[in-house]
């Protein structure tokens, strides 16, 4: 998960440098269907990947807690 954050930070810095005008060749790269820059699309995909990873880990944690609770209740019944 740390790699998603590192990649997102790098893309954000590149996007900032492109907006300021330091890096000019990235301004011309556009995604035709979305009318957005390539960096914006990469930032969007990286953020979506990070969000999905966080939600998946949260859901997995909830399943483990519920399984533990079920085992505790079954132990009380016996």
C-alpha atoms as a PDB file:
ATOM      1  CA  UNK A   1       0.000   0.000   0.000  1.00  0.00           C
ATOM      2  CA  UNK A   2       2.937   2.311   0.608  1.00  0.00           C
ATOM      3  CA  UNK A   3       3.843   2.037  -3.077  1.00  0.00           C
ATOM      4  CA  UNK A   4       0.452   3.465  -4.079  1.00  0.00           C
ATOM      5  CA  UNK A   5       1.128   6.494  -1.869  1.00  0.00           C
ATOM      6  CA  UNK A   6       4.662   6.961  -3.226  1.00  0.00           C
ATOM      7  CA  UNK A   7       3.436   6.757  -6.830  1.00  0.00           C
ATOM      8  CA  UNK A   8       0.608   9.184  -6.059  1.00  0.00           C
ATOM      9  CA  UNK A   9       3.073  11.647  -4.500  1.00  0.00           C
ATOM     10  CA  UNK A  10       5.375  11.450  -7.534  1.00  0.00           C
ATOM     11  CA  UNK A  11       2.480  11.971  -9.939  1.00  0.00           C
ATOM     12  CA  UNK A  12       1.246  14.930  -7.900  1.00  0.00           C
ATOM     13  CA  UNK A  13       4.684  16.583  -8.003  1.00  0.00           C
ATOM     14  CA  UNK A  14       4.905  15.980 -11.768  1.00  0.00           C
ATOM     15  CA  UNK A  15       1.430  17.436 -12.216  1.00  0.00           C
ATOM     16  CA  UNK A  16       2.397  20.522 -10.228  1.00  0.00           C
ATOM     17  CA  UNK A  17       5.596  21.008 -12.221  1.00  0.00           C
ATOM     18  CA  UNK A  18       3.598  20.667 -15.435  1.00  0.00           C
ATOM     19  CA  UNK A  19       1.019  23.245 -14.271  1.00  0.00           C
ATOM     20  CA  UNK A  20       3.778  25.692 -13.302  1.00  0.00           C
ATOM     21  CA  UNK A  21       5.434  25.250 -16.680  1.00  0.00           C
ATOM     22  CA  UNK A  22       8.706  23.649 -15.603  1.00  0.00           C
ATOM     23  CA  UNK A  23       7.923  20.463 -17.517  1.00  0.00           C
ATOM     24  CA  UNK A  24       6.392  21.435 -20.837  1.00  0.00           C
ATOM     25  CA  UNK A  25       6.285  18.159 -22.785  1.00  0.00           C
ATOM     26  CA  UNK A  26       3.677  16.632 -20.450  1.00  0.00           C
ATOM     27  CA  UNK A  27       1.183  19.424 -21.171  1.00  0.00           C
ATOM     28  CA  UNK A  28       0.661  18.191 -24.727  1.00  0.00           C
ATOM     29  CA  UNK A  29      -0.183  14.608 -23.739  1.00  0.00           C
ATOM     30  CA  UNK A  30      -3.978  14.396 -23.660  1.00  0.00           C
ATOM     31  CA  UNK A  31      -6.386  11.495 -23.288  1.00  0.00           C
ATOM     32  CA  UNK A  32      -8.799  11.984 -26.206  1.00  0.00           C
ATOM     33  CA  UNK A  33     -11.919  10.441 -24.690  1.00  0.00           C
ATOM     34  CA  UNK A  34     -11.720  12.335 -21.400  1.00  0.00           C
ATOM     35  CA  UNK A  35     -10.242  15.639 -22.618  1.00  0.00           C
ATOM     36  CA  UNK A  36      -7.805  15.502 -19.706  1.00  0.00           C
ATOM     37  CA  UNK A  37      -4.060  15.334 -19.392  1.00  0.00           C
ATOM     38  CA  UNK A  38      -2.331  11.998 -19.032  1.00  0.00           C
ATOM     39  CA  UNK A  39      -1.063  12.955 -15.573  1.00  0.00           C
ATOM     40  CA  UNK A  40      -4.608  13.714 -14.405  1.00  0.00           C
ATOM     41  CA  UNK A  41      -5.747  10.305 -15.578  1.00  0.00           C
ATOM     42  CA  UNK A  42      -2.818   8.584 -13.841  1.00  0.00           C
ATOM     43  CA  UNK A  43      -3.519  10.462 -10.601  1.00  0.00           C
ATOM     44  CA  UNK A  44      -7.175   9.456 -10.835  1.00  0.00           C
ATOM     45  CA  UNK A  45      -6.298   5.789 -11.400  1.00  0.00           C
ATOM     46  CA  UNK A  46      -3.749   5.763  -8.590  1.00  0.00           C
ATOM     47  CA  UNK A  47      -6.206   7.374  -6.172  1.00  0.00           C
ATOM     48  CA  UNK A  48      -8.922   4.897  -7.161  1.00  0.00           C
ATOM     49  CA  UNK A  49      -6.504   2.004  -6.647  1.00  0.00           C
ATOM     50  CA  UNK A  50      -5.544   3.302  -3.222  1.00  0.00           C
ATOM     51  CA  UNK A  51      -9.198   3.737  -2.229  1.00  0.00           C
ATOM     52  CA  UNK A  52     -10.102   0.227  -3.382  1.00  0.00           C
ATOM     53  CA  UNK A  53      -7.132  -1.202  -1.456  1.00  0.00           C
ATOM     54  CA  UNK A  54      -8.137   0.613   1.754  1.00  0.00           C
ATOM     55  CA  UNK A  55     -11.776  -0.444   1.462  1.00  0.00           C
ATOM     56  CA  UNK A  56     -10.783  -4.055   0.715  1.00  0.00           C
ATOM     57  CA  UNK A  57      -8.535  -4.161   3.790  1.00  0.00           C
ATOM     58  CA  UNK A  58     -11.304  -2.675   5.946  1.00  0.00           C
ATOM     59  CA  UNK A  59     -13.815  -5.218   4.683  1.00  0.00           C
ATOM     60  CA  UNK A  60     -11.355  -8.050   5.280  1.00  0.00           C
ATOM     61  CA  UNK A  61     -10.817  -6.820   8.863  1.00  0.00           C
ATOM     62  CA  UNK A  62     -14.560  -6.782   9.493  1.00  0.00           C
ATOM     63  CA  UNK A  63     -14.866 -10.366   8.286  1.00  0.00           C
ATOM     64  CA  UNK A  64     -12.120 -11.467  10.657  1.00  0.00           C
ATOM     65  CA  UNK A  65     -13.782  -9.711  13.601  1.00  0.00           C
ATOM     66  CA  UNK A  66     -17.136 -11.322  12.794  1.00  0.00           C
ATOM     67  CA  UNK A  67     -15.531 -14.763  12.508  1.00  0.00           C
ATOM     68  CA  UNK A  68     -13.856 -14.270  15.868  1.00  0.00           C
ATOM     69  CA  UNK A  69     -17.162 -13.177  17.435  1.00  0.00           C
ATOM     70  CA  UNK A  70     -18.918 -16.259  16.027  1.00  0.00           C
ATOM     71  CA  UNK A  71     -16.214 -18.516  17.448  1.00  0.00           C
ATOM     72  CA  UNK A  72     -16.550 -16.846  20.864  1.00  0.00           C
ATOM     73  CA  UNK A  73     -20.320 -17.297  20.849  1.00  0.00           C
ATOM     74  CA  UNK A  74     -19.996 -20.936  19.773  1.00  0.00           C
ATOM     75  CA  UNK A  75     -17.523 -21.518  22.606  1.00  0.00           C
ATOM     76  CA  UNK A  76     -20.031 -20.045  25.092  1.00  0.00           C
ATOM     77  CA  UNK A  77     -22.754 -22.421  23.816  1.00  0.00           C
ATOM     78  CA  UNK A  78     -20.605 -25.512  24.410  1.00  0.00           C
END
